[in-house]
Amino acid sequence: MTYYVYILASKRNGTLYVGVTNNLIRRVYEHKNNLVKGFTEKYGVHMLVHYESAESVESAIRREKQLKEWHRKWKLRLIEETNPQWRDLYDEIAPGFRPSPE
């Protein structure tokens, strides 16, 4: 199974959120639609600006913790290096995604 570490932003150089998941498309959809109560809902952090894949949940969690400990300017530099236009990458990885009814 593939795991993902991701960074969401409220806007360019805005509030950042770092998370980990095994289903990136579903998880970002949940954030974007305020189905996740808490930080991202409160601060409007809905743009997927960076993500990385990991081979195991352990390595994904290690990377998530590492990014959370980074200084803000290091995170901004990482985003600028991989996504200089601050595009919402969700639009590229999940065009037209709608969750299946449960």
PDB file of N, CA and C in Angstrom:
ATOM      1  N   MET A   1       0.847  -1.185   0.000  1.00  0.00           N
ATOM      2  CA  MET A   1       0.000   0.000   0.000  1.00  0.00           C
ATOM      3  C   MET A   1       0.887   1.241   0.000  1.00  0.00           C
ATOM      4  N   THR A   2       0.451   2.260  -0.698  1.00  0.00           N
ATOM      5  CA  THR A   2       1.172   3.526  -0.743  1.00  0.00           C
ATOM      6  C   THR A   2       0.559   4.490   0.269  1.00  0.00           C
ATOM      7  N   TYR A   3       1.413   5.236   0.930  1.00  0.00           N
ATOM      8  CA  TYR A   3       0.983   6.260   1.877  1.00  0.00           C
ATOM      9  C   TYR A   3       1.475   7.601   1.370  1.00  0.00           C
ATOM     10  N   TYR A   4       0.827   8.659   1.812  1.00  0.00           N
ATOM     11  CA  TYR A   4       1.161  10.003   1.341  1.00  0.00           C
ATOM     12  C   TYR A   4       1.311  10.953   2.514  1.00  0.00           C
ATOM     13  N   VAL A   5       2.294  11.832   2.388  1.00  0.00           N
ATOM     14  CA  VAL A   5       2.453  12.965   3.278  1.00  0.00           C
ATOM     15  C   VAL A   5       2.103  14.174   2.421  1.00  0.00           C
ATOM     16  N   TYR A   6       1.276  15.049   2.946  1.00  0.00           N
ATOM     17  CA  TYR A   6       0.803  16.157   2.125  1.00  0.00           C
ATOM     18  C   TYR A   6       0.823  17.469   2.898  1.00  0.00           C
ATOM     19  N   ILE A   7       0.880  18.553   2.130  1.00  0.00           N
ATOM     20  CA  ILE A   7       0.791  19.892   2.708  1.00  0.00           C
ATOM     21  C   ILE A   7      -0.376  20.605   2.043  1.00  0.00           C
ATOM     22  N   LEU A   8      -1.260  21.136   2.868  1.00  0.00           N
ATOM     23  CA  LEU A   8      -2.360  21.972   2.408  1.00  0.00           C
ATOM     24  C   LEU A   8      -2.051  23.411   2.790  1.00  0.00           C
ATOM     25  N   ALA A   9      -2.574  24.356   2.015  1.00  0.00           N
ATOM     26  CA  ALA A   9      -2.399  25.776   2.309  1.00  0.00           C
ATOM     27  C   ALA A   9      -3.732  26.499   2.157  1.00  0.00           C
ATOM     28  N   SER A  10      -3.880  27.595   2.882  1.00  0.00           N
ATOM     29  CA  SER A  10      -5.089  28.406   2.756  1.00  0.00           C
ATOM     30  C   SER A  10      -5.006  29.286   1.509  1.00  0.00           C
ATOM     31  N   LYS A  11      -3.786  29.667   1.143  1.00  0.00           N
ATOM     32  CA  LYS A  11      -3.498  30.488  -0.036  1.00  0.00           C
ATOM     33  C   LYS A  11      -1.986  30.523  -0.175  1.00  0.00           C
ATOM     34  N   ARG A  12      -1.476  31.176  -1.201  1.00  0.00           N
ATOM     35  CA  ARG A  12      -0.028  31.289  -1.366  1.00  0.00           C
ATOM     36  C   ARG A  12       0.562  31.957  -0.126  1.00  0.00           C
ATOM     37  N   ASN A  13       1.560  31.327   0.465  1.00  0.00           N
ATOM     38  CA  ASN A  13       2.218  31.809   1.687  1.00  0.00           C
ATOM     39  C   ASN A  13       1.268  31.932   2.877  1.00  0.00           C
ATOM     40  N   GLY A  14       0.142  31.221   2.827  1.00  0.00           N
ATOM     41  CA  GLY A  14      -0.844  31.296   3.901  1.00  0.00           C
ATOM     42  C   GLY A  14      -0.605  30.248   4.974  1.00  0.00           C
ATOM     43  N   THR A  15      -1.656  29.932   5.678  1.00  0.00           N
ATOM     44  CA  THR A  15      -1.621  28.923   6.733  1.00  0.00           C
ATOM     45  C   THR A  15      -1.363  27.556   6.118  1.00  0.00           C
ATOM     46  N   LEU A  16      -0.492  26.766   6.756  1.00  0.00           N
ATOM     47  CA  LEU A  16      -0.118  25.451   6.254  1.00  0.00           C
ATOM     48  C   LEU A  16      -0.583  24.349   7.199  1.00  0.00           C
ATOM     49  N   TYR A  17      -0.845  23.198   6.614  1.00  0.00           N
ATOM     50  CA  TYR A  17      -1.224  21.998   7.376  1.00  0.00           C
ATOM     51  C   TYR A  17      -0.494  20.813   6.770  1.00  0.00           C
ATOM     52  N   VAL A  18       0.105  19.983   7.611  1.00  0.00           N
ATOM     53  CA  VAL A  18       0.806  18.783   7.157  1.00  0.00           C
ATOM     54  C   VAL A  18       0.040  17.570   7.673  1.00  0.00           C
ATOM     55  N   GLY A  19      -0.216  16.610   6.780  1.00  0.00           N
ATOM     56  CA  GLY A  19      -0.945  15.413   7.173  1.00  0.00           C
ATOM     57  C   GLY A  19      -0.401  14.169   6.489  1.00  0.00           C
ATOM     58  N   VAL A  20      -0.949  13.018   6.862  1.00  0.00           N
ATOM     59  CA  VAL A  20      -0.554  11.730   6.281  1.00  0.00           C
ATOM     60  C   VAL A  20      -1.825  10.917   6.028  1.00  0.00           C
ATOM     61  N   THR A  21      -1.825  10.132   4.952  1.00  0.00           N
ATOM     62  CA  THR A  21      -2.996   9.331   4.593  1.00  0.00           C
ATOM     63  C   THR A  21      -2.600   8.180   3.688  1.00  0.00           C
ATOM     64  N   ASN A  22      -3.488   7.212   3.563  1.00  0.00           N
ATOM     65  CA  ASN A  22      -3.268   6.146   2.589  1.00  0.00           C
ATOM     66  C   ASN A  22      -4.154   6.336   1.355  1.00  0.00           C
ATOM     67  N   ASN A  23      -4.973   7.389   1.354  1.00  0.00           N
ATOM     68  CA  ASN A  23      -5.837   7.696   0.211  1.00  0.00           C
ATOM     69  C   ASN A  23      -5.858   9.214   0.033  1.00  0.00           C
ATOM     70  N   LEU A  24      -4.916   9.725  -0.736  1.00  0.00           N
ATOM     71  CA  LEU A  24      -4.733  11.165  -0.868  1.00  0.00           C
ATOM     72  C   LEU A  24      -5.956  11.854  -1.457  1.00  0.00           C
ATOM     73  N   ILE A  25      -6.518  11.297  -2.496  1.00  0.00           N
ATOM     74  CA  ILE A  25      -7.664  11.934  -3.146  1.00  0.00           C
ATOM     75  C   ILE A  25      -8.846  12.058  -2.181  1.00  0.00           C
ATOM     76  N   ARG A  26      -9.177  10.964  -1.518  1.00  0.00           N
ATOM     77  CA  ARG A  26     -10.293  10.996  -0.569  1.00  0.00           C
ATOM     78  C   ARG A  26     -10.041  11.968   0.567  1.00  0.00           C
ATOM     79  N   ARG A  27      -8.820  11.936   1.115  1.00  0.00           N
ATOM     80  CA  ARG A  27      -8.518  12.770   2.286  1.00  0.00           C
ATOM     81  C   ARG A  27      -8.567  14.253   1.950  1.00  0.00           C
ATOM     82  N   VAL A  28      -8.001  14.629   0.808  1.00  0.00           N
ATOM     83  CA  VAL A  28      -8.043  16.048   0.435  1.00  0.00           C
ATOM     84  C   VAL A  28      -9.480  16.464   0.135  1.00  0.00           C
ATOM     85  N   TYR A  29     -10.247  15.584  -0.485  1.00  0.00           N
ATOM     86  CA  TYR A  29     -11.674  15.856  -0.714  1.00  0.00           C
ATOM     87  C   TYR A  29     -12.365  16.162   0.620  1.00  0.00           C
ATOM     88  N   GLU A  30     -12.068  15.369   1.636  1.00  0.00           N
ATOM     89  CA  GLU A  30     -12.665  15.584   2.954  1.00  0.00           C
ATOM     90  C   GLU A  30     -12.283  16.952   3.513  1.00  0.00           C
ATOM     91  N   HIS A  31     -11.006  17.328   3.364  1.00  0.00           N
ATOM     92  CA  HIS A  31     -10.575  18.654   3.834  1.00  0.00           C
ATOM     93  C   HIS A  31     -11.293  19.757   3.056  1.00  0.00           C
ATOM     94  N   LYS A  32     -11.326  19.636   1.741  1.00  0.00           N
ATOM     95  CA  LYS A  32     -11.922  20.664   0.898  1.00  0.00           C
ATOM     96  C   LYS A  32     -13.405  20.877   1.188  1.00  0.00           C
ATOM     97  N   ASN A  33     -14.079  19.832   1.594  1.00  0.00           N
ATOM     98  CA  ASN A  33     -15.515  19.911   1.850  1.00  0.00           C
ATOM     99  C   ASN A  33     -15.851  20.001   3.336  1.00  0.00           C
ATOM    100  N   ASN A  34     -14.848  20.341   4.140  1.00  0.00           N
ATOM    101  CA  ASN A  34     -15.004  20.525   5.585  1.00  0.00           C
ATOM    102  C   ASN A  34     -15.645  19.314   6.263  1.00  0.00           C
ATOM    103  N   LEU A  35     -15.314  18.132   5.761  1.00  0.00           N
ATOM    104  CA  LEU A  35     -15.770  16.903   6.402  1.00  0.00           C
ATOM    105  C   LEU A  35     -14.829  16.509   7.538  1.00  0.00           C
ATOM    106  N   VAL A  36     -13.667  17.177   7.598  1.00  0.00           N
ATOM    107  CA  VAL A  36     -12.688  16.974   8.654  1.00  0.00           C
ATOM    108  C   VAL A  36     -12.823  18.162   9.598  1.00  0.00           C
ATOM    109  N   LYS A  37     -13.323  17.920  10.775  1.00  0.00           N
ATOM    110  CA  LYS A  37     -13.507  18.994  11.749  1.00  0.00           C
ATOM    111  C   LYS A  37     -12.154  19.337  12.368  1.00  0.00           C
ATOM    112  N   GLY A  38     -11.941  20.603  12.633  1.00  0.00           N
ATOM    113  CA  GLY A  38     -10.699  21.001  13.291  1.00  0.00           C
ATOM    114  C   GLY A  38      -9.956  22.080  12.531  1.00  0.00           C
ATOM    115  N   PHE A  39      -8.644  21.952  12.520  1.00  0.00           N
ATOM    116  CA  PHE A  39      -7.742  22.995  12.022  1.00  0.00           C
ATOM    117  C   PHE A  39      -8.044  23.428  10.594  1.00  0.00           C
ATOM    118  N   THR A  40      -8.122  22.483   9.663  1.00  0.00           N
ATOM    119  CA  THR A  40      -8.284  22.863   8.255  1.00  0.00           C
ATOM    120  C   THR A  40      -9.635  23.520   8.007  1.00  0.00           C
ATOM    121  N   GLU A  41     -10.649  23.076   8.709  1.00  0.00           N
ATOM    122  CA  GLU A  41     -11.965  23.715   8.582  1.00  0.00           C
ATOM    123  C   GLU A  41     -11.925  25.127   9.162  1.00  0.00           C
ATOM    124  N   LYS A  42     -11.356  25.265  10.352  1.00  0.00           N
ATOM    125  CA  LYS A  42     -11.325  26.556  11.057  1.00  0.00           C
ATOM    126  C   LYS A  42     -10.564  27.618  10.277  1.00  0.00           C
ATOM    127  N   TYR A  43      -9.441  27.222   9.653  1.00  0.00           N
ATOM    128  CA  TYR A  43      -8.580  28.200   8.986  1.00  0.00           C
ATOM    129  C   TYR A  43      -8.685  28.170   7.458  1.00  0.00           C
ATOM    130  N   GLY A  44      -9.621  27.405   6.919  1.00  0.00           N
ATOM    131  CA  GLY A  44      -9.830  27.383   5.473  1.00  0.00           C
ATOM    132  C   GLY A  44      -8.627  26.875   4.694  1.00  0.00           C
ATOM    133  N   VAL A  45      -8.004  25.839   5.209  1.00  0.00           N
ATOM    134  CA  VAL A  45      -6.791  25.281   4.593  1.00  0.00           C
ATOM    135  C   VAL A  45      -7.228  24.142   3.664  1.00  0.00           C
ATOM    136  N   HIS A  46      -7.393  24.464   2.366  1.00  0.00           N
ATOM    137  CA  HIS A  46      -8.005  23.515   1.441  1.00  0.00           C
ATOM    138  C   HIS A  46      -7.214  23.247   0.168  1.00  0.00           C
ATOM    139  N   MET A  47      -6.132  23.955  -0.079  1.00  0.00           N
ATOM    140  CA  MET A  47      -5.359  23.763  -1.313  1.00  0.00           C
ATOM    141  C   MET A  47      -4.248  22.745  -1.107  1.00  0.00           C
ATOM    142  N   LEU A  48      -4.226  21.706  -1.925  1.00  0.00           N
ATOM    143  CA  LEU A  48      -3.134  20.727  -1.889  1.00  0.00           C
ATOM    144  C   LEU A  48      -1.965  21.328  -2.663  1.00  0.00           C
ATOM    145  N   VAL A  49      -0.888  21.690  -1.949  1.00  0.00           N
ATOM    146  CA  VAL A  49       0.241  22.355  -2.609  1.00  0.00           C
ATOM    147  C   VAL A  49       1.494  21.485  -2.686  1.00  0.00           C
ATOM    148  N   HIS A  50       1.514  20.367  -1.959  1.00  0.00           N
ATOM    149  CA  HIS A  50       2.675  19.471  -1.998  1.00  0.00           C
ATOM    150  C   HIS A  50       2.246  18.104  -1.482  1.00  0.00           C
ATOM    151  N   TYR A  51       2.807  17.057  -2.097  1.00  0.00           N
ATOM    152  CA  TYR A  51       2.614  15.714  -1.546  1.00  0.00           C
ATOM    153  C   TYR A  51       3.782  14.836  -1.949  1.00  0.00           C
ATOM    154  N   GLU A  52       4.005  13.824  -1.126  1.00  0.00           N
ATOM    155  CA  GLU A  52       5.071  12.840  -1.348  1.00  0.00           C
ATOM    156  C   GLU A  52       4.492  11.472  -1.046  1.00  0.00           C
ATOM    157  N   SER A  53       4.973  10.459  -1.738  1.00  0.00           N
ATOM    158  CA  SER A  53       4.528   9.095  -1.442  1.00  0.00           C
ATOM    159  C   SER A  53       5.579   8.387  -0.591  1.00  0.00           C
ATOM    160  N   ALA A  54       5.120   7.389   0.141  1.00  0.00           N
ATOM    161  CA  ALA A  54       5.999   6.584   0.999  1.00  0.00           C
ATOM    162  C   ALA A  54       5.586   5.126   0.866  1.00  0.00           C
ATOM    163  N   GLU A  55       6.545   4.249   1.055  1.00  0.00           N
ATOM    164  CA  GLU A  55       6.304   2.810   0.908  1.00  0.00           C
ATOM    165  C   GLU A  55       5.623   2.172   2.119  1.00  0.00           C
ATOM    166  N   SER A  56       5.764   2.786   3.271  1.00  0.00           N
ATOM    167  CA  SER A  56       5.179   2.208   4.480  1.00  0.00           C
ATOM    168  C   SER A  56       4.568   3.305   5.339  1.00  0.00           C
ATOM    169  N   VAL A  57       3.647   2.906   6.192  1.00  0.00           N
ATOM    170  CA  VAL A  57       3.025   3.870   7.089  1.00  0.00           C
ATOM    171  C   VAL A  57       4.070   4.449   8.047  1.00  0.00           C
ATOM    172  N   GLU A  58       5.035   3.625   8.440  1.00  0.00           N
ATOM    173  CA  GLU A  58       6.084   4.107   9.360  1.00  0.00           C
ATOM    174  C   GLU A  58       6.910   5.217   8.717  1.00  0.00           C
ATOM    175  N   SER A  59       7.317   5.021   7.474  1.00  0.00           N
ATOM    176  CA  SER A  59       8.130   6.047   6.818  1.00  0.00           C
ATOM    177  C   SER A  59       7.308   7.303   6.542  1.00  0.00           C
ATOM    178  N   ALA A  60       6.025   7.137   6.240  1.00  0.00           N
ATOM    179  CA  ALA A  60       5.156   8.297   6.021  1.00  0.00           C
ATOM    180  C   ALA A  60       5.008   9.100   7.311  1.00  0.00           C
ATOM    181  N   ILE A  61       4.804   8.423   8.414  1.00  0.00           N
ATOM    182  CA  ILE A  61       4.651   9.116   9.696  1.00  0.00           C
ATOM    183  C   ILE A  61       5.955   9.803  10.103  1.00  0.00           C
ATOM    184  N   ARG A  62       7.086   9.134   9.848  1.00  0.00           N
ATOM    185  CA  ARG A  62       8.383   9.767  10.139  1.00  0.00           C
ATOM    186  C   ARG A  62       8.536  11.065   9.353  1.00  0.00           C
ATOM    187  N   ARG A  63       8.201  11.018   8.058  1.00  0.00           N
ATOM    188  CA  ARG A  63       8.320  12.206   7.213  1.00  0.00           C
ATOM    189  C   ARG A  63       7.342  13.288   7.655  1.00  0.00           C
ATOM    190  N   GLU A  64       6.126  12.908   8.019  1.00  0.00           N
ATOM    191  CA  GLU A  64       5.148  13.880   8.504  1.00  0.00           C
ATOM    192  C   GLU A  64       5.688  14.592   9.751  1.00  0.00           C
ATOM    193  N   LYS A  65       6.220  13.827  10.687  1.00  0.00           N
ATOM    194  CA  LYS A  65       6.774  14.428  11.907  1.00  0.00           C
ATOM    195  C   LYS A  65       7.944  15.346  11.581  1.00  0.00           C
ATOM    196  N   GLN A  66       8.784  14.906  10.629  1.00  0.00           N
ATOM    197  CA  GLN A  66       9.917  15.739  10.221  1.00  0.00           C
ATOM    198  C   GLN A  66       9.430  17.076   9.670  1.00  0.00           C
ATOM    199  N   LEU A  67       8.461  17.040   8.761  1.00  0.00           N
ATOM    200  CA  LEU A  67       7.947  18.283   8.169  1.00  0.00           C
ATOM    201  C   LEU A  67       7.286  19.166   9.213  1.00  0.00           C
ATOM    202  N   LYS A  68       6.582  18.570  10.151  1.00  0.00           N
ATOM    203  CA  LYS A  68       5.922  19.360  11.193  1.00  0.00           C
ATOM    204  C   LYS A  68       6.937  20.067  12.085  1.00  0.00           C
ATOM    205  N   GLU A  69       8.134  19.496  12.220  1.00  0.00           N
ATOM    206  CA  GLU A  69       9.172  20.119  13.035  1.00  0.00           C
ATOM    207  C   GLU A  69       9.939  21.197  12.275  1.00  0.00           C
ATOM    208  N   TRP A  70       9.841  21.202  10.958  1.00  0.00           N
ATOM    209  CA  TRP A  70      10.568  22.178  10.144  1.00  0.00           C
ATOM    210  C   TRP A  70      10.095  23.600  10.436  1.00  0.00           C
ATOM    211  N   HIS A  71      11.017  24.544  10.253  1.00  0.00           N
ATOM    212  CA  HIS A  71      10.656  25.957  10.292  1.00  0.00           C
ATOM    213  C   HIS A  71       9.728  26.244   9.119  1.00  0.00           C
ATOM    214  N   ARG A  72       8.868  27.201   9.300  1.00  0.00           N
ATOM    215  CA  ARG A  72       7.918  27.571   8.255  1.00  0.00           C
ATOM    216  C   ARG A  72       8.618  27.892   6.939  1.00  0.00           C
ATOM    217  N   LYS A  73       9.728  28.626   7.005  1.00  0.00           N
ATOM    218  CA  LYS A  73      10.397  29.017   5.750  1.00  0.00           C
ATOM    219  C   LYS A  73      10.946  27.806   5.000  1.00  0.00           C
ATOM    220  N   TRP A  74      11.292  26.736   5.707  1.00  0.00           N
ATOM    221  CA  TRP A  74      11.749  25.511   5.032  1.00  0.00           C
ATOM    222  C   TRP A  74      10.591  24.870   4.273  1.00  0.00           C
ATOM    223  N   LYS A  75       9.402  24.861   4.904  1.00  0.00           N
ATOM    224  CA  LYS A  75       8.223  24.304   4.229  1.00  0.00           C
ATOM    225  C   LYS A  75       7.876  25.140   2.998  1.00  0.00           C
ATOM    226  N   LEU A  76       7.938  26.452   3.136  1.00  0.00           N
ATOM    227  CA  LEU A  76       7.649  27.331   1.996  1.00  0.00           C
ATOM    228  C   LEU A  76       8.637  27.087   0.865  1.00  0.00           C
ATOM    229  N   ARG A  77       9.906  26.890   1.198  1.00  0.00           N
ATOM    230  CA  ARG A  77      10.918  26.611   0.184  1.00  0.00           C
ATOM    231  C   ARG A  77      10.631  25.287  -0.526  1.00  0.00           C
ATOM    232  N   LEU A  78      10.243  24.270   0.232  1.00  0.00           N
ATOM    233  CA  LEU A  78       9.895  22.978  -0.359  1.00  0.00           C
ATOM    234  C   LEU A  78       8.736  23.134  -1.347  1.00  0.00           C
ATOM    235  N   ILE A  79       7.710  23.861  -0.949  1.00  0.00           N
ATOM    236  CA  ILE A  79       6.565  24.093  -1.840  1.00  0.00           C
ATOM    237  C   ILE A  79       7.009  24.866  -3.081  1.00  0.00           C
ATOM    238  N   GLU A  80       7.795  25.913  -2.893  1.00  0.00           N
ATOM    239  CA  GLU A  80       8.264  26.724  -4.023  1.00  0.00           C
ATOM    240  C   GLU A  80       9.102  25.902  -5.002  1.00  0.00           C
ATOM    241  N   GLU A  81       9.887  24.955  -4.477  1.00  0.00           N
ATOM    242  CA  GLU A  81      10.725  24.125  -5.350  1.00  0.00           C
ATOM    243  C   GLU A  81       9.901  23.155  -6.178  1.00  0.00           C
ATOM    244  N   THR A  82       8.840  22.598  -5.612  1.00  0.00           N
ATOM    245  CA  THR A  82       8.058  21.581  -6.311  1.00  0.00           C
ATOM    246  C   THR A  82       6.806  22.133  -6.979  1.00  0.00           C
ATOM    247  N   ASN A  83       6.340  23.280  -6.529  1.00  0.00           N
ATOM    248  CA  ASN A  83       5.094  23.855  -7.032  1.00  0.00           C
ATOM    249  C   ASN A  83       5.180  25.381  -6.985  1.00  0.00           C
ATOM    250  N   PRO A  84       6.055  25.993  -7.807  1.00  0.00           N
ATOM    251  CA  PRO A  84       6.302  27.432  -7.704  1.00  0.00           C
ATOM    252  C   PRO A  84       5.080  28.316  -7.954  1.00  0.00           C
ATOM    253  N   GLN A  85       4.101  27.824  -8.676  1.00  0.00           N
ATOM    254  CA  GLN A  85       2.884  28.614  -8.913  1.00  0.00           C
ATOM    255  C   GLN A  85       1.822  28.408  -7.830  1.00  0.00           C
ATOM    256  N   TRP A  86       2.109  27.543  -6.886  1.00  0.00           N
ATOM    257  CA  TRP A  86       1.167  27.224  -5.805  1.00  0.00           C
ATOM    258  C   TRP A  86      -0.172  26.762  -6.394  1.00  0.00           C
ATOM    259  N   ARG A  87      -0.099  25.931  -7.424  1.00  0.00           N
ATOM    260  CA  ARG A  87      -1.320  25.355  -8.005  1.00  0.00           C
ATOM    261  C   ARG A  87      -1.965  24.423  -6.987  1.00  0.00           C
ATOM    262  N   ASP A  88      -3.270  24.300  -7.071  1.00  0.00           N
ATOM    263  CA  ASP A  88      -3.960  23.306  -6.254  1.00  0.00           C
ATOM    264  C   ASP A  88      -3.797  21.974  -6.971  1.00  0.00           C
ATOM    265  N   LEU A  89      -2.903  21.140  -6.478  1.00  0.00           N
ATOM    266  CA  LEU A  89      -2.562  19.876  -7.128  1.00  0.00           C
ATOM    267  C   LEU A  89      -3.719  18.880  -7.123  1.00  0.00           C
ATOM    268  N   TYR A  90      -4.696  19.104  -6.277  1.00  0.00           N
ATOM    269  CA  TYR A  90      -5.858  18.226  -6.232  1.00  0.00           C
ATOM    270  C   TYR A  90      -6.547  18.184  -7.596  1.00  0.00           C
ATOM    271  N   ASP A  91      -6.628  19.334  -8.248  1.00  0.00           N
ATOM    272  CA  ASP A  91      -7.271  19.402  -9.560  1.00  0.00           C
ATOM    273  C   ASP A  91      -6.567  18.512 -10.579  1.00  0.00           C
ATOM    274  N   GLU A  92      -5.270  18.296 -10.391  1.00  0.00           N
ATOM    275  CA  GLU A  92      -4.496  17.473 -11.317  1.00  0.00           C
ATOM    276  C   GLU A  92      -4.578  15.982 -10.987  1.00  0.00           C
ATOM    277  N   ILE A  93      -4.655  15.644  -9.708  1.00  0.00           N
ATOM    278  CA  ILE A  93      -4.656  14.223  -9.338  1.00  0.00           C
ATOM    279  C   ILE A  93      -6.057  13.629  -9.266  1.00  0.00           C
ATOM    280  N   ALA A  94      -7.081  14.483  -9.177  1.00  0.00           N
ATOM    281  CA  ALA A  94      -8.449  13.965  -9.002  1.00  0.00           C
ATOM    282  C   ALA A  94      -9.480  14.754  -9.794  1.00  0.00           C
ATOM    283  N   PRO A  95      -9.305  14.915 -11.095  1.00  0.00           N
ATOM    284  CA  PRO A  95     -10.295  15.688 -11.838  1.00  0.00           C
ATOM    285  C   PRO A  95     -11.679  15.033 -11.759  1.00  0.00           C
ATOM    286  N   GLY A  96     -12.632  15.802 -11.295  1.00  0.00           N
ATOM    287  CA  GLY A  96     -14.005  15.309 -11.235  1.00  0.00           C
ATOM    288  C   GLY A  96     -14.281  14.260 -10.176  1.00  0.00           C
ATOM    289  N   PHE A  97     -13.398  14.074  -9.195  1.00  0.00           N
ATOM    290  CA  PHE A  97     -13.610  13.045  -8.173  1.00  0.00           C
ATOM    291  C   PHE A  97     -14.850  13.344  -7.338  1.00  0.00           C
ATOM    292  N   ARG A  98     -15.641  12.336  -7.138  1.00  0.00           N
ATOM    293  CA  ARG A  98     -16.766  12.373  -6.200  1.00  0.00           C
ATOM    294  C   ARG A  98     -16.706  11.062  -5.421  1.00  0.00           C
ATOM    295  N   PRO A  99     -16.840  11.129  -4.106  1.00  0.00           N
ATOM    296  CA  PRO A  99     -16.756   9.896  -3.316  1.00  0.00           C
ATOM    297  C   PRO A  99     -17.921   8.970  -3.628  1.00  0.00           C
ATOM    298  N   SER A 100     -17.675   7.686  -3.510  1.00  0.00           N
ATOM    299  CA  SER A 100     -18.754   6.718  -3.717  1.00  0.00           C
ATOM    300  C   SER A 100     -19.658   6.709  -2.510  1.00  0.00           C
ATOM    301  N   PRO A 101     -20.961   6.572  -2.720  1.00  0.00           N
ATOM    302  CA  PRO A 101     -21.878   6.527  -1.570  1.00  0.00           C
ATOM    303  C   PRO A 101     -21.631   5.307  -0.710  1.00  0.00           C
ATOM    304  N   GLU A 102     -21.775   5.489   0.582  1.00  0.00           N
ATOM    305  CA  GLU A 102     -21.517   4.376   1.512  1.00  0.00           C
ATOM    306  C   GLU A 102     -22.774   3.656   1.891  1.00  0.00           C
TER     307      GLU A 102
END
